[in-house]
N, C-alpha and C. Protein backbone atom coordinates (compact mmCIF):
# COMPACT_ATOMS: atom_id res chain seq x y z
N MET A 1 53.73 217.19 -1.74
CA MET A 1 53.59 217.57 -0.33
C MET A 1 52.74 218.46 -0.34
N THR A 2 51.00 218.44 0.20
CA THR A 2 50.01 219.83 -0.13
C THR A 2 51.02 220.74 0.84
N GLU A 3 51.25 221.68 0.32
CA GLU A 3 51.20 223.17 1.16
C GLU A 3 50.45 224.34 0.71
N ILE A 4 50.24 225.08 1.47
CA ILE A 4 49.20 226.33 1.41
C ILE A 4 50.05 227.53 1.76
N HIS A 5 50.61 228.49 1.14
CA HIS A 5 51.42 229.68 1.75
C HIS A 5 50.04 230.86 1.36
N THR A 6 50.01 231.60 2.60
CA THR A 6 49.20 232.81 2.48
C THR A 6 50.12 234.10 2.90
N PRO A 7 49.63 235.23 2.99
CA PRO A 7 50.93 235.95 3.47
C PRO A 7 51.41 236.20 4.19
N ARG A 8 51.27 235.36 5.59
CA ARG A 8 51.92 235.56 6.75
C ARG A 8 52.13 234.11 7.25
N LEU A 9 51.04 232.76 6.42
CA LEU A 9 51.19 231.41 7.02
C LEU A 9 51.58 230.49 6.11
N LEU A 10 52.05 229.78 6.24
CA LEU A 10 52.35 228.01 5.89
C LEU A 10 51.54 227.05 6.35
N LEU A 11 50.53 226.26 5.53
CA LEU A 11 49.94 225.20 5.77
C LEU A 11 50.24 224.19 5.35
N ARG A 12 50.38 223.07 6.02
CA ARG A 12 51.55 222.15 5.68
C ARG A 12 51.20 220.69 6.60
N ARG A 13 51.91 219.43 5.81
CA ARG A 13 51.56 218.54 6.42
C ARG A 13 52.60 218.56 8.16
N TRP A 14 52.33 217.51 8.92
CA TRP A 14 52.73 217.28 9.97
C TRP A 14 54.54 217.21 10.04
N TYR A 15 54.86 217.69 10.78
CA TYR A 15 56.41 217.13 11.29
C TYR A 15 56.65 216.68 12.51
N ASP A 16 57.50 215.71 12.59
CA ASP A 16 58.11 215.41 14.26
C ASP A 16 57.87 216.24 15.27
N ASP A 17 58.68 217.72 14.54
CA ASP A 17 59.20 218.65 15.64
C ASP A 17 57.61 219.18 16.11
N ASP A 18 56.37 218.99 15.40
CA ASP A 18 55.21 219.57 15.66
C ASP A 18 54.97 218.92 16.72
N LEU A 19 55.03 217.88 17.52
CA LEU A 19 54.00 217.22 18.72
C LEU A 19 54.26 217.82 19.55
N ALA A 20 55.83 218.65 20.19
CA ALA A 20 55.55 219.28 21.50
C ALA A 20 55.14 220.51 21.22
N PRO A 21 55.10 221.09 20.61
CA PRO A 21 54.38 222.36 20.78
C PRO A 21 52.54 221.97 20.40
N MET A 22 52.53 221.30 19.80
CA MET A 22 50.86 221.14 19.28
C MET A 22 50.34 220.06 20.79
N ALA A 23 51.32 219.45 21.62
CA ALA A 23 50.72 219.20 22.73
C ALA A 23 50.57 220.51 24.00
N ASP A 24 51.52 221.48 23.57
CA ASP A 24 51.56 222.69 24.37
C ASP A 24 49.99 223.35 24.26
N ILE A 25 49.59 223.41 23.16
CA ILE A 25 48.47 224.43 22.59
C ILE A 25 47.20 223.25 23.31
N ASN A 26 47.14 222.03 22.93
CA ASN A 26 46.29 221.06 23.55
C ASN A 26 46.50 220.82 25.21
N ALA A 27 47.29 221.33 25.63
CA ALA A 27 47.19 221.49 27.10
C ALA A 27 46.75 222.52 28.08
N ASP A 28 46.49 223.90 27.21
CA ASP A 28 46.43 224.92 27.58
C ASP A 28 44.46 225.21 28.12
N PRO A 29 44.11 225.25 28.64
CA PRO A 29 42.92 225.08 29.45
C PRO A 29 41.70 226.16 27.84
N GLN A 30 42.67 227.44 28.04
CA GLN A 30 41.94 228.47 27.01
C GLN A 30 41.38 228.02 25.83
N VAL A 31 42.19 227.48 25.29
CA VAL A 31 41.92 226.78 24.31
C VAL A 31 41.38 225.72 23.96
N MET A 32 41.43 224.82 24.84
CA MET A 32 40.40 223.41 24.72
C MET A 32 38.92 223.47 25.04
N ARG A 33 38.79 225.09 25.90
CA ARG A 33 37.43 225.34 26.19
C ARG A 33 36.41 224.65 25.45
N TRP A 34 36.47 225.07 24.22
CA TRP A 34 35.22 224.98 23.49
C TRP A 34 35.64 223.43 22.31
N ILE A 35 36.27 222.46 23.03
CA ILE A 35 36.87 221.22 22.01
C ILE A 35 36.14 220.45 22.86
N ASP A 36 35.53 219.62 21.92
CA ASP A 36 34.41 218.49 23.17
C ASP A 36 34.37 219.05 24.26
N ASP A 37 34.59 218.13 25.66
CA ASP A 37 33.94 218.35 26.77
C ASP A 37 35.25 219.55 27.14
N GLY A 38 35.98 219.96 26.52
CA GLY A 38 36.86 220.39 27.17
C GLY A 38 38.12 219.90 28.30
N SER A 39 38.51 218.68 27.72
CA SER A 39 39.56 218.35 28.42
C SER A 39 40.68 218.56 27.91
N LEU A 40 42.01 218.27 28.68
CA LEU A 40 43.09 218.88 28.51
C LEU A 40 43.71 217.82 27.26
N ARG A 41 44.37 217.63 26.66
CA ARG A 41 45.45 216.58 25.61
C ARG A 41 46.79 216.54 26.40
N ASP A 42 47.05 215.29 26.42
CA ASP A 42 48.84 215.04 26.99
C ASP A 42 49.15 214.66 25.82
N LEU A 43 50.66 214.72 25.42
CA LEU A 43 51.65 214.35 24.39
C LEU A 43 51.35 213.41 23.74
N ASP A 44 50.73 212.13 24.55
CA ASP A 44 50.48 210.79 23.75
C ASP A 44 49.13 211.22 23.12
N GLN A 45 48.13 211.47 23.66
CA GLN A 45 46.97 212.13 23.21
C GLN A 45 47.06 213.03 21.78
N THR A 46 47.99 214.16 21.75
CA THR A 46 48.25 214.58 20.74
C THR A 46 48.92 214.01 19.35
N ALA A 47 50.15 213.06 19.97
CA ALA A 47 50.58 212.33 19.25
C ALA A 47 49.52 211.31 18.18
N GLU A 48 48.80 210.99 18.89
CA GLU A 48 47.20 209.70 18.35
C GLU A 48 46.61 211.22 17.53
N ASP A 49 46.37 211.80 18.19
CA ASP A 49 45.45 213.08 16.76
C ASP A 49 46.30 213.24 15.22
N ILE A 50 47.74 214.18 15.61
CA ILE A 50 48.74 213.78 14.85
C ILE A 50 48.43 212.80 13.56
N GLU A 51 48.67 211.47 14.20
CA GLU A 51 48.62 210.42 13.26
C GLU A 51 47.34 209.84 13.02
N ARG A 52 45.83 210.55 13.57
CA ARG A 52 44.69 210.32 12.46
C ARG A 52 44.49 211.24 11.76
N TRP A 53 44.90 212.65 12.06
CA TRP A 53 44.96 213.71 10.93
C TRP A 53 45.90 213.52 9.59
N GLU A 54 46.96 212.92 9.85
CA GLU A 54 47.97 212.59 8.65
C GLU A 54 47.45 211.04 8.27
N GLU A 55 46.79 210.33 8.68
CA GLU A 55 46.00 209.12 7.62
C GLU A 55 44.79 209.69 7.12
N GLU A 56 44.13 210.57 7.81
CA GLU A 56 43.02 211.28 7.22
C GLU A 56 43.23 211.92 5.59
N TRP A 57 44.56 212.38 5.57
CA TRP A 57 45.05 212.92 4.51
C TRP A 57 45.43 211.78 3.37
N ASP A 58 45.76 210.70 3.70
CA ASP A 58 46.40 209.63 3.07
C ASP A 58 44.56 209.16 2.18
N GLU A 59 43.72 208.91 3.55
CA GLU A 59 42.49 208.41 3.03
C GLU A 59 41.75 209.35 2.06
N GLU A 60 41.77 210.46 2.22
CA GLU A 60 40.75 211.67 1.98
C GLU A 60 41.17 212.50 0.77
N GLY A 61 42.53 212.40 1.01
CA GLY A 61 43.07 213.68 0.14
C GLY A 61 42.56 215.05 0.55
N PHE A 62 42.47 214.76 1.97
CA PHE A 62 42.67 216.34 2.40
C PHE A 62 42.79 216.18 4.15
N GLY A 63 42.71 217.21 4.69
CA GLY A 63 43.05 216.57 6.02
C GLY A 63 43.36 218.05 7.26
N LEU A 64 44.01 217.70 8.25
CA LEU A 64 44.09 218.77 9.18
C LEU A 64 45.62 219.54 9.15
N PHE A 65 45.81 220.90 8.50
CA PHE A 65 47.28 221.27 8.47
C PHE A 65 47.87 221.61 9.45
N ALA A 66 48.88 221.79 9.54
CA ALA A 66 50.29 222.28 10.87
C ALA A 66 50.17 223.78 9.96
N VAL A 67 49.68 224.66 10.96
CA VAL A 67 49.82 226.14 11.01
C VAL A 67 51.00 226.63 11.60
N GLU A 68 52.32 226.92 10.38
CA GLU A 68 53.21 227.70 10.93
C GLU A 68 53.04 229.45 10.36
N LEU A 69 53.86 229.87 11.68
CA LEU A 69 54.34 231.13 10.86
C LEU A 69 55.19 231.48 10.15
N LEU A 70 55.20 232.17 9.18
CA LEU A 70 56.42 232.37 7.98
C LEU A 70 57.49 232.77 8.65
N ALA A 71 56.96 234.08 9.33
CA ALA A 71 57.98 235.06 9.83
C ALA A 71 58.86 234.29 11.25
N SER A 72 58.52 233.51 11.67
CA SER A 72 59.51 233.16 13.19
C SER A 72 59.34 231.00 12.76
N GLY A 73 58.64 230.69 11.93
CA GLY A 73 58.93 229.64 11.79
C GLY A 73 57.52 228.32 12.95
N GLU A 74 56.99 229.15 14.08
CA GLU A 74 56.54 228.72 15.00
C GLU A 74 55.25 228.41 14.17
N LEU A 75 54.56 226.64 15.37
CA LEU A 75 53.83 226.39 14.94
C LEU A 75 52.96 226.67 16.08
N ALA A 76 51.55 227.38 14.74
CA ALA A 76 50.66 228.39 15.55
C ALA A 76 49.90 227.37 16.17
N GLY A 77 49.38 226.07 15.42
CA GLY A 77 48.06 225.56 16.02
C GLY A 77 47.85 224.74 14.76
N VAL A 78 46.52 224.85 14.30
CA VAL A 78 46.05 223.61 13.53
C VAL A 78 44.81 224.20 12.40
N VAL A 79 44.62 224.12 11.27
CA VAL A 79 43.21 224.37 10.50
C VAL A 79 43.18 223.17 9.66
N GLY A 80 42.04 222.82 9.01
CA GLY A 80 41.80 222.11 8.16
C GLY A 80 40.60 221.42 8.20
N LEU A 81 40.56 220.42 7.24
CA LEU A 81 39.07 219.80 6.68
C LEU A 81 39.20 218.26 7.09
N SER A 82 37.92 217.50 7.61
CA SER A 82 37.78 216.37 8.24
C SER A 82 36.68 216.07 8.48
N VAL A 83 36.22 214.64 8.12
CA VAL A 83 34.90 214.57 8.02
C VAL A 83 34.54 214.48 9.47
N PRO A 84 33.37 214.71 10.05
CA PRO A 84 32.87 215.20 11.71
C PRO A 84 32.03 213.98 11.70
N GLU A 85 33.19 212.73 12.28
CA GLU A 85 32.36 211.11 12.80
C GLU A 85 31.42 211.59 13.95
N PHE A 86 32.05 212.38 14.53
CA PHE A 86 31.52 212.50 16.47
C PHE A 86 29.61 213.37 16.04
N LEU A 87 29.45 213.67 14.87
CA LEU A 87 27.69 213.82 14.76
C LEU A 87 27.74 213.31 13.90
N PRO A 88 26.85 212.40 13.82
CA PRO A 88 25.88 211.24 12.85
C PRO A 88 25.51 211.97 11.52
N GLU A 89 24.66 213.19 11.85
CA GLU A 89 23.69 213.62 11.25
C GLU A 89 24.32 214.84 10.20
N ALA A 90 25.94 214.64 10.48
CA ALA A 90 26.58 215.61 9.12
C ALA A 90 27.56 214.82 8.36
N LEU A 91 27.66 213.25 8.81
CA LEU A 91 28.45 212.33 8.10
C LEU A 91 28.59 212.43 6.56
N SER A 92 28.31 212.77 5.94
CA SER A 92 28.32 213.10 4.51
C SER A 92 28.57 214.52 4.13
N ALA A 93 29.24 215.15 5.46
CA ALA A 93 29.74 216.86 4.92
C ALA A 93 31.14 216.19 5.07
N VAL A 94 32.06 217.65 4.47
CA VAL A 94 33.33 217.73 4.97
C VAL A 94 33.10 219.05 5.94
N ALA A 95 33.94 219.04 7.06
CA ALA A 95 33.92 220.20 8.00
C ALA A 95 35.08 220.91 8.13
N ILE A 96 35.24 222.13 8.53
CA ILE A 96 36.52 223.06 8.55
C ILE A 96 36.35 223.60 9.64
N SER A 97 37.61 223.22 10.53
CA SER A 97 38.03 223.47 11.88
C SER A 97 39.07 224.08 11.89
N TRP A 98 39.29 224.95 12.79
CA TRP A 98 40.74 225.30 13.53
C TRP A 98 41.00 225.01 15.16
N ARG A 99 42.06 225.26 15.33
CA ARG A 99 42.45 225.54 16.85
C ARG A 99 44.21 225.69 16.99
N LEU A 100 44.21 227.34 17.34
CA LEU A 100 45.09 227.93 17.48
C LEU A 100 45.56 228.13 18.69
N GLY A 101 47.03 228.17 19.18
CA GLY A 101 47.31 228.03 20.56
C GLY A 101 47.31 229.74 20.68
N SER A 102 46.56 230.14 22.07
CA SER A 102 46.18 231.18 22.88
C SER A 102 47.38 232.62 22.38
N PRO A 103 48.59 232.39 22.17
CA PRO A 103 49.32 233.55 21.86
C PRO A 103 49.20 233.94 20.53
N PHE A 104 48.85 233.60 19.89
CA PHE A 104 48.08 233.75 18.39
C PHE A 104 47.19 234.04 17.79
N TRP A 105 46.08 234.12 19.07
CA TRP A 105 44.67 234.88 19.05
C TRP A 105 45.28 236.45 18.96
N GLY A 106 43.69 236.63 18.20
CA GLY A 106 43.50 238.35 17.79
C GLY A 106 44.19 239.10 16.64
N GLN A 107 44.91 238.15 16.21
CA GLN A 107 45.88 238.66 15.02
C GLN A 107 45.31 238.13 13.93
N GLY A 108 44.32 237.42 13.39
CA GLY A 108 43.75 237.39 12.27
C GLY A 108 44.31 235.94 11.68
N TYR A 109 44.88 235.53 12.51
CA TYR A 109 45.79 234.00 11.72
C TYR A 109 44.93 233.36 11.37
N ALA A 110 43.61 232.52 12.45
CA ALA A 110 42.55 231.54 12.26
C ALA A 110 41.83 232.11 11.13
N SER A 111 41.19 232.84 10.87
CA SER A 111 40.56 233.81 9.45
C SER A 111 41.49 233.61 8.73
N GLU A 112 42.79 233.97 8.50
CA GLU A 112 43.54 233.58 7.18
C GLU A 112 43.70 232.00 6.72
N ALA A 113 43.96 231.53 8.15
CA ALA A 113 44.13 230.00 7.61
C ALA A 113 42.61 229.30 6.88
N ALA A 114 41.60 229.73 7.64
CA ALA A 114 40.50 229.15 7.25
C ALA A 114 39.68 229.52 6.05
N GLN A 115 40.15 230.64 5.84
CA GLN A 115 39.87 231.32 4.54
C GLN A 115 40.86 230.33 3.23
N ALA A 116 42.20 230.25 3.43
CA ALA A 116 42.92 229.89 2.33
C ALA A 116 42.43 227.90 2.38
N THR A 117 42.16 227.51 3.46
CA THR A 117 41.84 225.80 3.59
C THR A 117 40.19 225.68 3.14
N LEU A 118 39.61 226.90 2.95
CA LEU A 118 38.19 227.08 2.49
C LEU A 118 38.21 227.12 0.91
N GLU A 119 39.28 227.86 0.59
CA GLU A 119 39.37 227.96 -1.07
C GLU A 119 40.08 226.97 -1.43
N PHE A 120 40.78 225.98 -0.45
CA PHE A 120 41.71 225.00 -1.13
C PHE A 120 40.60 223.90 -1.17
N ALA A 121 39.74 223.61 -0.54
CA ALA A 121 38.58 222.39 -0.18
C ALA A 121 37.36 222.45 -1.62
N LEU A 122 37.35 223.86 -1.98
CA LEU A 122 36.39 224.21 -2.87
C LEU A 122 36.98 224.36 -4.36
N GLN A 123 38.00 224.77 -4.53
CA GLN A 123 38.09 224.71 -5.79
C GLN A 123 39.81 223.53 -5.96
N ASP A 124 40.44 223.38 -5.06
CA ASP A 124 41.71 222.25 -5.62
C ASP A 124 41.13 220.89 -5.29
N ARG A 125 40.31 220.81 -4.25
CA ARG A 125 39.71 219.25 -3.78
C ARG A 125 38.38 219.16 -4.50
N GLY A 126 37.99 220.00 -5.31
CA GLY A 126 36.42 219.81 -5.72
C GLY A 126 35.24 219.66 -4.78
N LEU A 127 35.59 219.55 -3.63
CA LEU A 127 34.21 219.82 -2.84
C LEU A 127 33.18 220.86 -3.24
N ASP A 128 31.82 220.66 -3.43
CA ASP A 128 31.14 221.08 -3.57
C ASP A 128 30.26 221.79 -2.16
N ARG A 129 30.76 221.73 -1.25
CA ARG A 129 29.84 222.06 0.05
C ARG A 129 30.81 221.61 1.25
N VAL A 130 30.90 222.71 2.33
CA VAL A 130 31.87 222.78 2.83
C VAL A 130 30.73 223.46 4.69
N ILE A 131 31.02 222.55 5.83
CA ILE A 131 30.35 223.08 6.69
C ILE A 131 31.29 223.19 7.86
N SER A 132 30.76 223.91 9.22
CA SER A 132 31.68 224.10 10.43
C SER A 132 30.71 224.03 11.30
N ILE A 133 31.23 223.10 12.58
CA ILE A 133 30.63 223.20 13.38
C ILE A 133 30.98 223.78 14.68
N SER A 134 30.03 224.89 15.38
CA SER A 134 30.69 225.30 16.54
C SER A 134 29.58 225.12 17.97
N ARG A 135 30.42 225.38 18.71
CA ARG A 135 29.49 225.34 19.81
C ARG A 135 28.90 226.49 20.12
N MET A 136 28.03 226.59 20.71
CA MET A 136 27.17 227.72 21.27
C MET A 136 27.91 228.36 21.74
N GLY A 137 28.19 229.67 21.97
CA GLY A 137 29.10 230.64 22.96
C GLY A 137 30.03 230.79 22.33
N ASP A 138 30.73 230.49 21.24
CA ASP A 138 32.04 230.54 20.84
C ASP A 138 32.09 231.54 20.14
N ASP A 139 31.95 232.84 20.82
CA ASP A 139 31.69 234.03 19.48
C ASP A 139 33.28 233.76 18.64
N ALA A 140 33.94 233.64 19.05
CA ALA A 140 34.98 233.82 18.23
C ALA A 140 35.50 232.97 17.20
N SER A 141 35.36 232.00 16.98
CA SER A 141 34.73 230.99 16.11
C SER A 141 33.66 231.25 14.81
N GLU A 142 32.72 231.72 15.69
CA GLU A 142 31.59 232.47 14.74
C GLU A 142 31.81 233.42 14.14
N ASN A 143 32.47 234.18 14.65
CA ASN A 143 33.33 235.41 13.86
C ASN A 143 33.66 235.04 12.53
N ILE A 144 34.99 233.74 13.14
CA ILE A 144 35.27 232.97 11.70
C ILE A 144 34.47 232.57 10.55
N ILE A 145 33.85 232.18 10.99
CA ILE A 145 32.38 231.39 10.06
C ILE A 145 31.67 232.32 9.31
N ARG A 146 31.26 233.62 10.11
CA ARG A 146 30.68 235.02 9.38
C ARG A 146 31.72 235.10 8.09
N LYS A 147 33.19 235.51 8.80
CA LYS A 147 33.90 235.80 7.43
C LYS A 147 34.29 235.11 6.15
N LEU A 148 33.69 233.79 6.58
CA LEU A 148 34.18 232.95 5.55
C LEU A 148 33.05 232.51 4.47
N GLY A 149 32.00 233.59 5.05
CA GLY A 149 30.59 233.95 4.14
C GLY A 149 29.47 232.19 4.65
N MET A 150 30.11 231.37 5.41
CA MET A 150 28.86 230.64 5.80
C MET A 150 27.86 231.20 6.13
N LYS A 151 27.11 230.35 5.99
CA LYS A 151 25.13 231.00 6.54
C LYS A 151 24.84 229.25 7.33
N PRO A 152 23.84 229.95 8.65
CA PRO A 152 23.36 228.94 9.52
C PRO A 152 22.85 228.04 8.83
N GLU A 153 22.63 226.55 8.87
CA GLU A 153 22.02 225.71 8.30
C GLU A 153 21.24 224.81 9.82
N ARG A 154 22.07 224.70 10.68
CA ARG A 154 21.09 224.21 11.65
C ARG A 154 21.53 224.27 13.45
N GLU A 155 20.78 223.98 14.03
CA GLU A 155 21.29 223.64 15.48
C GLU A 155 20.78 222.58 15.90
N THR A 156 21.81 221.44 16.32
CA THR A 156 21.61 220.24 17.04
C THR A 156 22.45 220.26 18.29
N ALA A 157 22.78 219.28 19.02
CA ALA A 157 23.10 218.80 20.34
C ALA A 157 24.04 218.00 19.91
N HIS A 158 25.76 218.00 20.87
CA HIS A 158 26.42 216.97 20.47
C HIS A 158 26.17 215.83 21.44
N PRO A 159 26.29 214.69 20.37
CA PRO A 159 25.53 213.43 20.87
C PRO A 159 26.36 212.70 21.97
N VAL A 160 27.26 213.42 22.41
CA VAL A 160 27.63 212.43 23.67
C VAL A 160 27.60 213.32 24.45
N TYR A 161 27.97 214.86 24.39
CA TYR A 161 28.34 215.88 25.75
C TYR A 161 26.75 216.29 25.97
N GLY A 162 26.11 216.53 24.82
CA GLY A 162 24.61 217.37 24.88
C GLY A 162 24.72 218.72 24.76
N PHE A 163 25.84 219.67 24.80
CA PHE A 163 25.79 220.98 24.74
C PHE A 163 25.11 221.34 23.20
N PRO A 164 24.30 222.52 22.95
CA PRO A 164 24.24 222.97 21.69
C PRO A 164 25.41 223.20 20.71
N LEU A 165 25.10 223.10 19.62
CA LEU A 165 26.12 223.33 18.55
C LEU A 165 25.13 224.14 17.36
N HIS A 166 26.17 224.59 16.85
CA HIS A 166 25.42 225.50 15.13
C HIS A 166 26.53 224.69 14.10
N VAL A 167 25.94 224.51 13.39
CA VAL A 167 26.09 224.05 12.00
C VAL A 167 25.71 224.87 10.62
N HIS A 168 26.96 225.70 10.06
CA HIS A 168 27.15 226.73 9.06
C HIS A 168 27.86 225.92 8.24
N ALA A 169 26.75 226.18 6.87
CA ALA A 169 27.67 225.71 5.66
C ALA A 169 27.65 226.78 4.43
N ILE A 170 28.59 226.13 3.72
CA ILE A 170 28.63 227.38 2.43
C ILE A 170 28.95 225.87 1.19
N ASP A 171 28.28 226.63 0.25
CA ASP A 171 28.69 225.56 -1.28
C ASP A 171 29.02 226.62 -2.42
N LEU A 172 29.50 225.84 -3.49
CA LEU A 172 30.43 226.34 -4.09
C LEU A 172 29.90 227.76 -5.25
N THR A 173 28.42 227.27 -5.28
CA THR A 173 27.89 228.80 -6.00
C THR A 173 27.53 229.95 -5.00
N GLU A 174 27.66 230.09 -3.71
CA GLU A 174 28.16 230.60 -2.84
C GLU A 174 29.31 231.58 -2.74
N TYR A 175 30.15 230.69 -2.52
CA TYR A 175 31.62 231.06 -2.43
C TYR A 175 31.87 231.98 -3.21
N GLU A 176 32.47 233.14 -2.68
CA GLU A 176 33.61 233.88 -3.45
C GLU A 176 34.98 234.16 -2.92
N ALA A 177 35.84 233.82 -4.19
CA ALA A 177 37.53 233.52 -3.73
C ALA A 177 38.01 235.05 -3.55
């Protein structure tokens, strides 16, 4: 089983007990504001998400981790790697993304988890390039992207919802662990 330990977090595969806390995160309008069209996701939709994330692990050798706080065992959210199927122009790439519950914002958890995931992608999984896709105006995500050392690559629009997106990238030659 793939796990990553950071000073404060455990990044791991999904447990059955993660469904309810992840559904709570997906039902928070503050959290979902920047995800797709901002729609909230219920328990059944969250179960489908987790099942899809686990399938990607099995098929690709990477996926989205559950983010657990080491101190309390709480599920803080999700971070990981995926193929950005919603954006056809980026399909040859692997994207890093994150979604933490609002009680866990502003404490550096997303940056800590994203940094560990980027290192996993480039050093453990042998990827030579990783991208991140963010909605224009999502300053918190843009800040994390800068901390990862990713550089702006292009601007585009979401193919379904039409809102503007930033695509950032980093390759192995630019990465400093």
